[in-house]
Amino acid sequence: MKMKCGAKCFIVTLEKDGVTKHDRVTARTTATARKIIRRTYGNVIEIISVRAET
């Protein structure tokens, strides 16, 4: 994955097939992090939260 200027690490909590999972994403904003997750898993998941890693 290519790092862009201003990128941060986000922890995305998602639910897929009844299982809750945490995934790390490098993105500039929370909206971009959501887009990356949706491209990876498709629309069959439910994104519960997106938080910046501290």
N, C-alpha and C. Protein backbone atom coordinates (compact mmCIF):
# COMPACT_ATOMS: atom_id res chain seq x y z
N MET A 1 0.84 -1.17 0.00
CA MET A 1 0.00 0.00 0.00
C MET A 1 0.89 1.24 0.00
N LYS A 2 0.53 2.22 -0.76
CA LYS A 2 1.31 3.43 -0.89
C LYS A 2 0.88 4.46 0.16
N MET A 3 1.86 5.01 0.89
CA MET A 3 1.57 6.04 1.90
C MET A 3 1.46 7.39 1.22
N LYS A 4 0.41 8.11 1.53
CA LYS A 4 0.23 9.46 1.00
C LYS A 4 0.53 10.46 2.11
N CYS A 5 0.83 11.67 1.73
CA CYS A 5 1.10 12.72 2.69
C CYS A 5 -0.13 12.95 3.56
N GLY A 6 0.04 12.98 4.86
CA GLY A 6 -1.07 13.21 5.78
C GLY A 6 -1.84 11.95 6.13
N ALA A 7 -1.35 10.79 5.72
CA ALA A 7 -2.04 9.53 6.00
C ALA A 7 -1.84 9.12 7.46
N LYS A 8 -2.89 8.53 8.04
CA LYS A 8 -2.86 8.03 9.41
C LYS A 8 -3.33 6.59 9.40
N CYS A 9 -3.11 5.92 10.51
CA CYS A 9 -3.58 4.55 10.65
C CYS A 9 -4.92 4.57 11.37
N PHE A 10 -5.91 3.88 10.82
CA PHE A 10 -7.24 3.79 11.41
C PHE A 10 -7.54 2.34 11.75
N ILE A 11 -8.23 2.15 12.86
CA ILE A 11 -8.71 0.83 13.25
C ILE A 11 -10.19 0.77 12.89
N VAL A 12 -10.55 -0.14 12.01
CA VAL A 12 -11.93 -0.29 11.56
C VAL A 12 -12.51 -1.55 12.20
N THR A 13 -13.62 -1.38 12.90
CA THR A 13 -14.33 -2.50 13.48
C THR A 13 -15.48 -2.85 12.54
N LEU A 14 -15.51 -4.10 12.10
CA LEU A 14 -16.54 -4.50 11.14
C LEU A 14 -17.11 -5.85 11.51
N GLU A 15 -18.28 -6.13 10.97
CA GLU A 15 -18.93 -7.42 11.20
C GLU A 15 -19.16 -8.10 9.86
N LYS A 16 -18.65 -9.33 9.77
CA LYS A 16 -18.81 -10.11 8.54
C LYS A 16 -19.23 -11.52 8.93
N ASP A 17 -20.33 -11.97 8.39
CA ASP A 17 -20.86 -13.32 8.67
C ASP A 17 -21.07 -13.55 10.17
N GLY A 18 -21.50 -12.51 10.89
CA GLY A 18 -21.77 -12.63 12.32
C GLY A 18 -20.54 -12.59 13.20
N VAL A 19 -19.37 -12.35 12.61
CA VAL A 19 -18.11 -12.30 13.36
C VAL A 19 -17.59 -10.88 13.36
N THR A 20 -17.26 -10.35 14.55
CA THR A 20 -16.70 -9.01 14.66
C THR A 20 -15.19 -9.09 14.45
N LYS A 21 -14.67 -8.18 13.63
CA LYS A 21 -13.25 -8.20 13.27
C LYS A 21 -12.71 -6.78 13.32
N HIS A 22 -11.44 -6.63 13.68
CA HIS A 22 -10.75 -5.35 13.68
C HIS A 22 -9.70 -5.38 12.58
N ASP A 23 -9.66 -4.32 11.78
CA ASP A 23 -8.73 -4.28 10.65
C ASP A 23 -8.02 -2.93 10.64
N ARG A 24 -6.73 -2.91 10.36
CA ARG A 24 -5.96 -1.67 10.25
C ARG A 24 -5.95 -1.18 8.82
N VAL A 25 -6.16 0.13 8.66
CA VAL A 25 -6.18 0.74 7.34
C VAL A 25 -5.37 2.03 7.39
N THR A 26 -4.56 2.27 6.38
CA THR A 26 -3.83 3.53 6.26
C THR A 26 -4.56 4.41 5.27
N ALA A 27 -5.03 5.58 5.76
CA ALA A 27 -5.81 6.48 4.92
C ALA A 27 -5.69 7.90 5.46
N ARG A 28 -6.15 8.87 4.67
CA ARG A 28 -6.11 10.27 5.11
C ARG A 28 -7.28 10.61 6.03
N THR A 29 -8.45 10.07 5.72
CA THR A 29 -9.66 10.39 6.49
C THR A 29 -10.43 9.12 6.82
N THR A 30 -11.40 9.25 7.73
CA THR A 30 -12.23 8.09 8.07
C THR A 30 -13.07 7.65 6.88
N ALA A 31 -13.53 8.61 6.08
CA ALA A 31 -14.32 8.26 4.89
C ALA A 31 -13.50 7.44 3.90
N THR A 32 -12.24 7.80 3.72
CA THR A 32 -11.36 7.05 2.83
C THR A 32 -11.09 5.65 3.40
N ALA A 33 -10.96 5.56 4.71
CA ALA A 33 -10.76 4.25 5.35
C ALA A 33 -11.96 3.35 5.09
N ARG A 34 -13.18 3.91 5.17
CA ARG A 34 -14.39 3.14 4.88
C ARG A 34 -14.41 2.66 3.43
N LYS A 35 -13.99 3.53 2.51
CA LYS A 35 -13.95 3.16 1.09
C LYS A 35 -12.99 2.00 0.85
N ILE A 36 -11.83 2.04 1.50
CA ILE A 36 -10.84 0.99 1.33
C ILE A 36 -11.39 -0.35 1.84
N ILE A 37 -12.05 -0.31 3.00
CA ILE A 37 -12.64 -1.53 3.57
C ILE A 37 -13.72 -2.08 2.66
N ARG A 38 -14.57 -1.21 2.12
CA ARG A 38 -15.65 -1.67 1.23
C ARG A 38 -15.09 -2.28 -0.06
N ARG A 39 -13.99 -1.71 -0.56
CA ARG A 39 -13.36 -2.29 -1.76
C ARG A 39 -12.76 -3.66 -1.45
N THR A 40 -12.24 -3.81 -0.23
CA THR A 40 -11.61 -5.07 0.15
C THR A 40 -12.64 -6.18 0.39
N TYR A 41 -13.69 -5.88 1.17
CA TYR A 41 -14.65 -6.90 1.58
C TYR A 41 -15.96 -6.87 0.80
N GLY A 42 -16.23 -5.82 0.06
CA GLY A 42 -17.50 -5.71 -0.66
C GLY A 42 -18.58 -5.12 0.24
N ASN A 43 -19.82 -5.15 -0.22
CA ASN A 43 -20.92 -4.57 0.53
C ASN A 43 -21.58 -5.55 1.48
N VAL A 44 -21.03 -6.74 1.65
CA VAL A 44 -21.64 -7.75 2.51
C VAL A 44 -21.26 -7.57 3.98
N ILE A 45 -20.52 -6.52 4.30
CA ILE A 45 -20.09 -6.29 5.68
C ILE A 45 -20.83 -5.09 6.26
N GLU A 46 -20.80 -5.01 7.59
CA GLU A 46 -21.34 -3.84 8.28
C GLU A 46 -20.18 -3.20 9.04
N ILE A 47 -19.89 -1.94 8.73
CA ILE A 47 -18.82 -1.22 9.42
C ILE A 47 -19.41 -0.65 10.70
N ILE A 48 -18.84 -1.04 11.83
CA ILE A 48 -19.35 -0.61 13.13
C ILE A 48 -18.71 0.70 13.56
N SER A 49 -17.37 0.80 13.45
CA SER A 49 -16.70 2.05 13.83
C SER A 49 -15.38 2.19 13.11
N VAL A 50 -14.94 3.45 13.00
CA VAL A 50 -13.63 3.78 12.43
C VAL A 50 -12.98 4.76 13.39
N ARG A 51 -11.84 4.38 13.96
CA ARG A 51 -11.14 5.24 14.92
C ARG A 51 -9.68 5.40 14.52
N ALA A 52 -9.14 6.58 14.79
CA ALA A 52 -7.72 6.82 14.54
C ALA A 52 -6.91 6.07 15.59
N GLU A 53 -5.85 5.43 15.16
CA GLU A 53 -4.98 4.72 16.10
C GLU A 53 -4.13 5.73 16.84
N THR A 54 -4.03 5.55 18.15
CA THR A 54 -3.23 6.50 18.95
C THR A 54 -1.88 5.95 19.27
